[in-house]
């Protein structure tokens, strides 16, 4: 029982040393089994069965942890245990504030990081309920931002399949001309035609688009060509 735990901890430490963001987003699970030689069964088949058993053991542990994490997230959703903080976007020419980006913080310390929060939401099928709450919180604060400052709101790729989002939500339409929907290039968009079609109503109402982390993710410059955003934010690696 101790060996899988030691292996998982060791691998996790190695991943964190190489890429801290990757370590934050993913958990390491290890399953272990014993392969006993048997004359009537080919060694490769025995090895394959062993791999299957070990994988099942690791997966079961993972399911249990996701189940625990999901219960915590459900409590946070029920209690709306979130708050938004606002990062200013500064004009490089005169150092004036041109806009703010809404960033979520969960009051539950285990879910404080947005990466961890959405990782659990993705695994448990709760991206839509989470995003609905966060969009509302962000837009509710918009009147406190002086005119004509824009508000950047992060958009998860799964949100564009949410019927409530595509309604579209009244509070989005009322504030459309001051809203910028920001999609990170690290998140995979597999069907750009569908993505553009689904947000067409919002864009026609005046909502603008931004691509974040350009140069860090799946599609590089093709995401800019496909989405035609009004704003581009470059990844620090560039």
C-alpha atoms as a PDB file:
ATOM      1  CA  UNK A   1       0.000   0.000   0.000  1.00  0.00           C
ATOM      2  CA  UNK A   2       2.927   2.333   0.627  1.00  0.00           C
ATOM      3  CA  UNK A   3       4.708   1.806  -2.720  1.00  0.00           C
ATOM      4  CA  UNK A   4       1.992   3.301  -5.002  1.00  0.00           C
ATOM      5  CA  UNK A   5       1.764   6.340  -2.734  1.00  0.00           C
ATOM      6  CA  UNK A   6       5.541   6.837  -2.747  1.00  0.00           C
ATOM      7  CA  UNK A   7       5.671   6.454  -6.522  1.00  0.00           C
ATOM      8  CA  UNK A   8       2.813   8.913  -7.048  1.00  0.00           C
ATOM      9  CA  UNK A   9       4.395  11.480  -4.722  1.00  0.00           C
ATOM     10  CA  UNK A  10       7.775  11.115  -6.443  1.00  0.00           C
ATOM     11  CA  UNK A  11       6.308  11.537  -9.930  1.00  0.00           C
ATOM     12  CA  UNK A  12       4.217  14.499  -8.765  1.00  0.00           C
ATOM     13  CA  UNK A  13       7.301  16.226  -7.341  1.00  0.00           C
ATOM     14  CA  UNK A  14       9.169  15.652 -10.591  1.00  0.00           C
ATOM     15  CA  UNK A  15       6.280  17.092 -12.660  1.00  0.00           C
ATOM     16  CA  UNK A  16       6.090  20.114 -10.373  1.00  0.00           C
ATOM     17  CA  UNK A  17       9.826  20.732 -10.733  1.00  0.00           C
ATOM     18  CA  UNK A  18       9.494  20.630 -14.519  1.00  0.00           C
ATOM     19  CA  UNK A  19       6.188  22.502 -14.936  1.00  0.00           C
ATOM     20  CA  UNK A  20       4.379  23.975 -11.945  1.00  0.00           C
ATOM     21  CA  UNK A  21       1.240  24.790 -13.968  1.00  0.00           C
ATOM     22  CA  UNK A  22       1.002  21.208 -15.206  1.00  0.00           C
ATOM     23  CA  UNK A  23       1.356  19.910 -11.657  1.00  0.00           C
ATOM     24  CA  UNK A  24      -1.465  22.191 -10.517  1.00  0.00           C
ATOM     25  CA  UNK A  25      -3.815  20.976 -13.236  1.00  0.00           C
ATOM     26  CA  UNK A  26      -3.229  17.245 -12.905  1.00  0.00           C
ATOM     27  CA  UNK A  27      -3.054  14.578 -10.225  1.00  0.00           C
ATOM     28  CA  UNK A  28      -0.800  11.517 -10.433  1.00  0.00           C
ATOM     29  CA  UNK A  29      -2.357   8.129  -9.622  1.00  0.00           C
ATOM     30  CA  UNK A  30      -0.418   4.859  -9.480  1.00  0.00           C
ATOM     31  CA  UNK A  31      -1.811   1.353  -9.575  1.00  0.00           C
ATOM     32  CA  UNK A  32       0.245  -1.731  -8.806  1.00  0.00           C
ATOM     33  CA  UNK A  33      -0.250  -5.445  -9.455  1.00  0.00           C
ATOM     34  CA  UNK A  34       1.733  -8.695  -9.406  1.00  0.00           C
ATOM     35  CA  UNK A  35       2.357 -10.712 -12.555  1.00  0.00           C
ATOM     36  CA  UNK A  36       2.891 -14.414 -11.789  1.00  0.00           C
ATOM     37  CA  UNK A  37       4.397 -16.574 -14.583  1.00  0.00           C
ATOM     38  CA  UNK A  38       2.088 -19.303 -15.844  1.00  0.00           C
ATOM     39  CA  UNK A  39       3.324 -21.879 -18.347  1.00  0.00           C
ATOM     40  CA  UNK A  40       0.098 -22.059 -20.380  1.00  0.00           C
ATOM     41  CA  UNK A  41      -0.233 -18.300 -20.899  1.00  0.00           C
ATOM     42  CA  UNK A  42       2.141 -16.268 -23.059  1.00  0.00           C
ATOM     43  CA  UNK A  43       4.233 -13.767 -21.010  1.00  0.00           C
ATOM     44  CA  UNK A  44       3.032 -10.815 -23.114  1.00  0.00           C
ATOM     45  CA  UNK A  45      -0.594 -11.663 -22.334  1.00  0.00           C
ATOM     46  CA  UNK A  46       0.216 -11.910 -18.638  1.00  0.00           C
ATOM     47  CA  UNK A  47       1.953  -8.537 -18.784  1.00  0.00           C
ATOM     48  CA  UNK A  48      -1.005  -6.985 -20.597  1.00  0.00           C
ATOM     49  CA  UNK A  49      -3.403  -8.310 -17.939  1.00  0.00           C
ATOM     50  CA  UNK A  50      -1.148  -6.892 -15.244  1.00  0.00           C
ATOM     51  CA  UNK A  51      -1.187  -3.473 -16.899  1.00  0.00           C
ATOM     52  CA  UNK A  52      -4.984  -3.617 -17.082  1.00  0.00           C
ATOM     53  CA  UNK A  53      -5.278  -4.476 -13.384  1.00  0.00           C
ATOM     54  CA  UNK A  54      -2.856  -1.716 -12.374  1.00  0.00           C
ATOM     55  CA  UNK A  55      -4.692   0.798 -14.538  1.00  0.00           C
ATOM     56  CA  UNK A  56      -8.012  -0.185 -12.969  1.00  0.00           C
ATOM     57  CA  UNK A  57      -6.574   0.247  -9.496  1.00  0.00           C
ATOM     58  CA  UNK A  58      -5.214   3.708 -10.320  1.00  0.00           C
ATOM     59  CA  UNK A  59      -8.480   4.725 -11.990  1.00  0.00           C
ATOM     60  CA  UNK A  60     -10.552   3.658  -8.989  1.00  0.00           C
ATOM     61  CA  UNK A  61      -8.413   5.809  -6.708  1.00  0.00           C
ATOM     62  CA  UNK A  62      -8.808   8.694  -9.155  1.00  0.00           C
ATOM     63  CA  UNK A  63     -12.583   8.299  -9.208  1.00  0.00           C
ATOM     64  CA  UNK A  64     -12.707   8.388  -5.439  1.00  0.00           C
ATOM     65  CA  UNK A  65     -10.674  11.598  -5.291  1.00  0.00           C
ATOM     66  CA  UNK A  66     -12.747  13.246  -8.023  1.00  0.00           C
ATOM     67  CA  UNK A  67     -15.889  12.271  -6.111  1.00  0.00           C
ATOM     68  CA  UNK A  68     -14.579  14.005  -2.983  1.00  0.00           C
ATOM     69  CA  UNK A  69     -13.521  17.071  -4.978  1.00  0.00           C
ATOM     70  CA  UNK A  70     -16.931  17.198  -6.677  1.00  0.00           C
ATOM     71  CA  UNK A  71     -18.769  17.251  -3.364  1.00  0.00           C
ATOM     72  CA  UNK A  72     -16.645  20.220  -2.273  1.00  0.00           C
ATOM     73  CA  UNK A  73     -17.359  22.014  -5.556  1.00  0.00           C
ATOM     74  CA  UNK A  74     -21.098  21.334  -5.212  1.00  0.00           C
ATOM     75  CA  UNK A  75     -21.072  23.007  -1.807  1.00  0.00           C
ATOM     76  CA  UNK A  76     -19.230  25.991  -3.273  1.00  0.00           C
ATOM     77  CA  UNK A  77     -21.782  26.248  -6.092  1.00  0.00           C
ATOM     78  CA  UNK A  78     -24.727  25.988  -3.688  1.00  0.00           C
ATOM     79  CA  UNK A  79     -23.261  28.646  -1.387  1.00  0.00           C
ATOM     80  CA  UNK A  80     -21.879  30.753  -4.272  1.00  0.00           C
ATOM     81  CA  UNK A  81     -18.539  30.763  -2.480  1.00  0.00           C
ATOM     82  CA  UNK A  82     -16.791  32.833  -5.126  1.00  0.00           C
ATOM     83  CA  UNK A  83     -15.549  36.364  -5.471  1.00  0.00           C
ATOM     84  CA  UNK A  84     -14.171  38.253  -8.412  1.00  0.00           C
ATOM     85  CA  UNK A  85     -10.978  40.271  -8.424  1.00  0.00           C
ATOM     86  CA  UNK A  86     -10.171  42.696 -11.221  1.00  0.00           C
ATOM     87  CA  UNK A  87      -6.821  43.014 -12.925  1.00  0.00           C
ATOM     88  CA  UNK A  88      -6.286  46.322 -14.733  1.00  0.00           C
ATOM     89  CA  UNK A  89      -5.191  46.304 -18.353  1.00  0.00           C
ATOM     90  CA  UNK A  90      -2.935  49.289 -18.918  1.00  0.00           C
ATOM     91  CA  UNK A  91      -2.358  51.361 -22.026  1.00  0.00           C
ATOM     92  CA  UNK A  92       1.372  51.146 -22.771  1.00  0.00           C
ATOM     93  CA  UNK A  93       1.526  54.629 -24.290  1.00  0.00           C
ATOM     94  CA  UNK A  94       0.160  56.749 -21.450  1.00  0.00           C
ATOM     95  CA  UNK A  95      -0.141  54.199 -18.595  1.00  0.00           C
ATOM     96  CA  UNK A  96      -3.870  54.797 -18.213  1.00  0.00           C
ATOM     97  CA  UNK A  97      -6.209  51.925 -17.350  1.00  0.00           C
ATOM     98  CA  UNK A  98      -8.093  50.817 -20.463  1.00  0.00           C
ATOM     99  CA  UNK A  99      -9.992  47.810 -19.116  1.00  0.00           C
ATOM    100  CA  UNK A 100     -10.213  45.247 -16.323  1.00  0.00           C
ATOM    101  CA  UNK A 101     -10.098  41.461 -16.460  1.00  0.00           C
ATOM    102  CA  UNK A 102     -12.395  39.558 -14.094  1.00  0.00           C
ATOM    103  CA  UNK A 103     -10.594  36.734 -12.286  1.00  0.00           C
ATOM    104  CA  UNK A 104     -12.327  34.257  -9.987  1.00  0.00           C
ATOM    105  CA  UNK A 105     -11.202  33.339  -6.491  1.00  0.00           C
ATOM    106  CA  UNK A 106     -12.941  30.598  -4.536  1.00  0.00           C
ATOM    107  CA  UNK A 107     -13.335  31.140  -0.796  1.00  0.00           C
ATOM    108  CA  UNK A 108     -12.580  27.445  -0.266  1.00  0.00           C
ATOM    109  CA  UNK A 109      -8.787  27.389   0.097  1.00  0.00           C
ATOM    110  CA  UNK A 110      -8.479  24.006  -1.667  1.00  0.00           C
ATOM    111  CA  UNK A 111     -10.157  25.508  -4.753  1.00  0.00           C
ATOM    112  CA  UNK A 112      -8.514  28.922  -4.549  1.00  0.00           C
ATOM    113  CA  UNK A 113      -6.705  28.496  -7.863  1.00  0.00           C
ATOM    114  CA  UNK A 114      -8.949  28.973 -10.947  1.00  0.00           C
ATOM    115  CA  UNK A 115      -6.988  26.181 -12.667  1.00  0.00           C
ATOM    116  CA  UNK A 116      -7.861  23.712  -9.913  1.00  0.00           C
ATOM    117  CA  UNK A 117     -11.445  24.961  -9.764  1.00  0.00           C
ATOM    118  CA  UNK A 118     -12.110  24.443 -13.468  1.00  0.00           C
ATOM    119  CA  UNK A 119     -10.157  21.194 -13.561  1.00  0.00           C
ATOM    120  CA  UNK A 120     -12.614  19.713 -11.049  1.00  0.00           C
ATOM    121  CA  UNK A 121     -15.549  21.278 -12.909  1.00  0.00           C
ATOM    122  CA  UNK A 122     -14.410  19.699 -16.191  1.00  0.00           C
ATOM    123  CA  UNK A 123     -13.980  16.242 -14.649  1.00  0.00           C
ATOM    124  CA  UNK A 124     -17.376  16.387 -12.922  1.00  0.00           C
ATOM    125  CA  UNK A 125     -19.434  17.961 -15.725  1.00  0.00           C
ATOM    126  CA  UNK A 126     -20.024  21.207 -13.838  1.00  0.00           C
ATOM    127  CA  UNK A 127     -18.450  23.782 -16.137  1.00  0.00           C
ATOM    128  CA  UNK A 128     -21.818  25.286 -17.122  1.00  0.00           C
ATOM    129  CA  UNK A 129     -23.145  25.837 -13.570  1.00  0.00           C
ATOM    130  CA  UNK A 130     -19.797  27.299 -12.510  1.00  0.00           C
ATOM    131  CA  UNK A 131     -19.469  29.585 -15.531  1.00  0.00           C
ATOM    132  CA  UNK A 132     -23.055  30.848 -15.152  1.00  0.00           C
ATOM    133  CA  UNK A 133     -22.370  32.013 -11.601  1.00  0.00           C
ATOM    134  CA  UNK A 134     -19.044  33.620 -12.507  1.00  0.00           C
ATOM    135  CA  UNK A 135     -20.432  35.496 -15.522  1.00  0.00           C
ATOM    136  CA  UNK A 136     -23.207  36.901 -13.366  1.00  0.00           C
ATOM    137  CA  UNK A 137     -20.824  37.970 -10.597  1.00  0.00           C
ATOM    138  CA  UNK A 138     -18.511  39.684 -13.072  1.00  0.00           C
ATOM    139  CA  UNK A 139     -21.219  41.562 -14.951  1.00  0.00           C
ATOM    140  CA  UNK A 140     -22.966  42.592 -11.720  1.00  0.00           C
ATOM    141  CA  UNK A 141     -19.807  44.519 -10.824  1.00  0.00           C
ATOM    142  CA  UNK A 142     -19.608  46.255 -14.205  1.00  0.00           C
ATOM    143  CA  UNK A 143     -21.508  49.412 -13.096  1.00  0.00           C
ATOM    144  CA  UNK A 144     -18.724  50.028 -10.575  1.00  0.00           C
ATOM    145  CA  UNK A 145     -16.185  50.351 -13.403  1.00  0.00           C
ATOM    146  CA  UNK A 146     -16.062  53.890 -14.790  1.00  0.00           C
ATOM    147  CA  UNK A 147     -17.247  54.441 -18.342  1.00  0.00           C
ATOM    148  CA  UNK A 148     -16.102  53.588 -20.952  1.00  0.00           C
ATOM    149  CA  UNK A 149     -13.756  50.926 -19.517  1.00  0.00           C
ATOM    150  CA  UNK A 150     -14.196  47.423 -20.908  1.00  0.00           C
ATOM    151  CA  UNK A 151     -14.566  44.254 -18.870  1.00  0.00           C
ATOM    152  CA  UNK A 152     -12.727  41.105 -19.996  1.00  0.00           C
ATOM    153  CA  UNK A 153     -14.547  37.930 -18.932  1.00  0.00           C
ATOM    154  CA  UNK A 154     -12.918  34.529 -19.406  1.00  0.00           C
ATOM    155  CA  UNK A 155     -14.831  32.100 -21.597  1.00  0.00           C
ATOM    156  CA  UNK A 156     -14.432  28.335 -21.316  1.00  0.00           C
ATOM    157  CA  UNK A 157     -14.760  26.583 -24.718  1.00  0.00           C
ATOM    158  CA  UNK A 158     -17.556  24.405 -23.266  1.00  0.00           C
ATOM    159  CA  UNK A 159     -19.603  27.540 -22.484  1.00  0.00           C
ATOM    160  CA  UNK A 160     -20.481  28.052 -26.142  1.00  0.00           C
ATOM    161  CA  UNK A 161     -22.610  24.892 -26.052  1.00  0.00           C
ATOM    162  CA  UNK A 162     -24.553  26.064 -22.984  1.00  0.00           C
ATOM    163  CA  UNK A 163     -28.163  26.875 -24.035  1.00  0.00           C
ATOM    164  CA  UNK A 164     -28.439  29.458 -21.259  1.00  0.00           C
ATOM    165  CA  UNK A 165     -25.322  31.280 -22.460  1.00  0.00           C
ATOM    166  CA  UNK A 166     -26.503  31.122 -26.062  1.00  0.00           C
ATOM    167  CA  UNK A 167     -29.973  32.392 -25.069  1.00  0.00           C
ATOM    168  CA  UNK A 168     -28.243  34.753 -24.752  1.00  0.00           C
ATOM    169  CA  UNK A 169     -28.397  35.801 -21.115  1.00  0.00           C
ATOM    170  CA  UNK A 170     -30.152  39.169 -20.736  1.00  0.00           C
ATOM    171  CA  UNK A 171     -27.474  40.640 -18.486  1.00  0.00           C
ATOM    172  CA  UNK A 172     -24.868  39.954 -21.175  1.00  0.00           C
ATOM    173  CA  UNK A 173     -26.907  41.610 -23.906  1.00  0.00           C
ATOM    174  CA  UNK A 174     -27.592  44.718 -21.814  1.00  0.00           C
ATOM    175  CA  UNK A 175     -23.861  45.194 -21.256  1.00  0.00           C
ATOM    176  CA  UNK A 176     -22.676  43.790 -24.581  1.00  0.00           C
ATOM    177  CA  UNK A 177     -20.776  46.846 -25.789  1.00  0.00           C
ATOM    178  CA  UNK A 178     -18.546  46.878 -22.697  1.00  0.00           C
ATOM    179  CA  UNK A 179     -17.840  43.144 -22.628  1.00  0.00           C
ATOM    180  CA  UNK A 180     -14.884  41.243 -24.078  1.00  0.00           C
ATOM    181  CA  UNK A 181     -15.085  37.446 -24.012  1.00  0.00           C
ATOM    182  CA  UNK A 182     -11.600  36.073 -23.574  1.00  0.00           C
ATOM    183  CA  UNK A 183     -10.661  32.545 -24.589  1.00  0.00           C
ATOM    184  CA  UNK A 184      -7.254  31.194 -23.680  1.00  0.00           C
ATOM    185  CA  UNK A 185      -5.266  29.607 -26.455  1.00  0.00           C
ATOM    186  CA  UNK A 186      -4.287  26.820 -24.049  1.00  0.00           C
ATOM    187  CA  UNK A 187      -7.878  25.553 -24.210  1.00  0.00           C
ATOM    188  CA  UNK A 188      -8.589  23.439 -27.282  1.00  0.00           C
ATOM    189  CA  UNK A 189     -11.326  24.626 -29.647  1.00  0.00           C
ATOM    190  CA  UNK A 190     -11.928  21.714 -31.980  1.00  0.00           C
ATOM    191  CA  UNK A 191     -14.649  23.241 -34.166  1.00  0.00           C
ATOM    192  CA  UNK A 192     -14.060  26.911 -34.939  1.00  0.00           C
ATOM    193  CA  UNK A 193     -17.009  27.088 -37.364  1.00  0.00           C
ATOM    194  CA  UNK A 194     -19.418  25.982 -34.629  1.00  0.00           C
ATOM    195  CA  UNK A 195     -17.713  28.257 -32.078  1.00  0.00           C
ATOM    196  CA  UNK A 196     -18.136  31.327 -34.296  1.00  0.00           C
ATOM    197  CA  UNK A 197     -21.721  30.408 -35.159  1.00  0.00           C
ATOM    198  CA  UNK A 198     -22.716  29.950 -31.530  1.00  0.00           C
ATOM    199  CA  UNK A 199     -21.404  33.334 -30.380  1.00  0.00           C
ATOM    200  CA  UNK A 200     -22.562  35.220 -33.490  1.00  0.00           C
ATOM    201  CA  UNK A 201     -25.576  36.762 -31.721  1.00  0.00           C
ATOM    202  CA  UNK A 202     -23.370  38.139 -28.958  1.00  0.00           C
ATOM    203  CA  UNK A 203     -20.865  39.551 -31.404  1.00  0.00           C
ATOM    204  CA  UNK A 204     -23.639  41.186 -33.436  1.00  0.00           C
ATOM    205  CA  UNK A 205     -24.814  42.844 -30.209  1.00  0.00           C
ATOM    206  CA  UNK A 206     -21.355  44.357 -29.725  1.00  0.00           C
ATOM    207  CA  UNK A 207     -19.514  41.802 -27.574  1.00  0.00           C
ATOM    208  CA  UNK A 208     -15.846  41.651 -28.548  1.00  0.00           C
ATOM    209  CA  UNK A 209     -13.433  38.707 -28.462  1.00  0.00           C
ATOM    210  CA  UNK A 210      -9.910  38.297 -27.101  1.00  0.00           C
ATOM    211  CA  UNK A 211      -7.386  35.493 -27.440  1.00  0.00           C
ATOM    212  CA  UNK A 212      -5.178  35.031 -24.392  1.00  0.00           C
ATOM    213  CA  UNK A 213      -1.807  33.266 -24.076  1.00  0.00           C
ATOM    214  CA  UNK A 214      -1.118  33.409 -27.799  1.00  0.00           C
ATOM    215  CA  UNK A 215       1.864  31.196 -28.576  1.00  0.00           C
ATOM    216  CA  UNK A 216       1.397  28.803 -25.662  1.00  0.00           C
ATOM    217  CA  UNK A 217      -1.289  26.401 -26.776  1.00  0.00           C
ATOM    218  CA  UNK A 218      -2.855  24.212 -29.393  1.00  0.00           C
ATOM    219  CA  UNK A 219      -3.440  26.334 -32.446  1.00  0.00           C
ATOM    220  CA  UNK A 220      -0.953  29.228 -32.357  1.00  0.00           C
ATOM    221  CA  UNK A 221      -1.694  31.836 -35.040  1.00  0.00           C
ATOM    222  CA  UNK A 222      -4.499  29.773 -36.579  1.00  0.00           C
ATOM    223  CA  UNK A 223      -6.695  30.566 -33.571  1.00  0.00           C
ATOM    224  CA  UNK A 224      -6.364  34.268 -34.375  1.00  0.00           C
ATOM    225  CA  UNK A 225      -7.238  33.676 -38.018  1.00  0.00           C
ATOM    226  CA  UNK A 226     -10.269  31.580 -37.103  1.00  0.00           C
ATOM    227  CA  UNK A 227     -11.675  33.719 -34.274  1.00  0.00           C
ATOM    228  CA  UNK A 228     -10.775  37.185 -35.666  1.00  0.00           C
ATOM    229  CA  UNK A 229     -10.509  38.684 -32.167  1.00  0.00           C
ATOM    230  CA  UNK A 230     -10.441  42.397 -31.453  1.00  0.00           C
ATOM    231  CA  UNK A 231      -7.738  41.833 -28.806  1.00  0.00           C
ATOM    232  CA  UNK A 232      -4.685  39.568 -28.635  1.00  0.00           C
ATOM    233  CA  UNK A 233      -2.707  38.884 -25.448  1.00  0.00           C
ATOM    234  CA  UNK A 234       0.691  37.297 -25.969  1.00  0.00           C
ATOM    235  CA  UNK A 235       2.038  34.555 -23.755  1.00  0.00           C
ATOM    236  CA  UNK A 236       5.083  35.583 -21.678  1.00  0.00           C
ATOM    237  CA  UNK A 237       7.232  33.045 -23.511  1.00  0.00           C
ATOM    238  CA  UNK A 238       7.092  35.297 -26.575  1.00  0.00           C
END
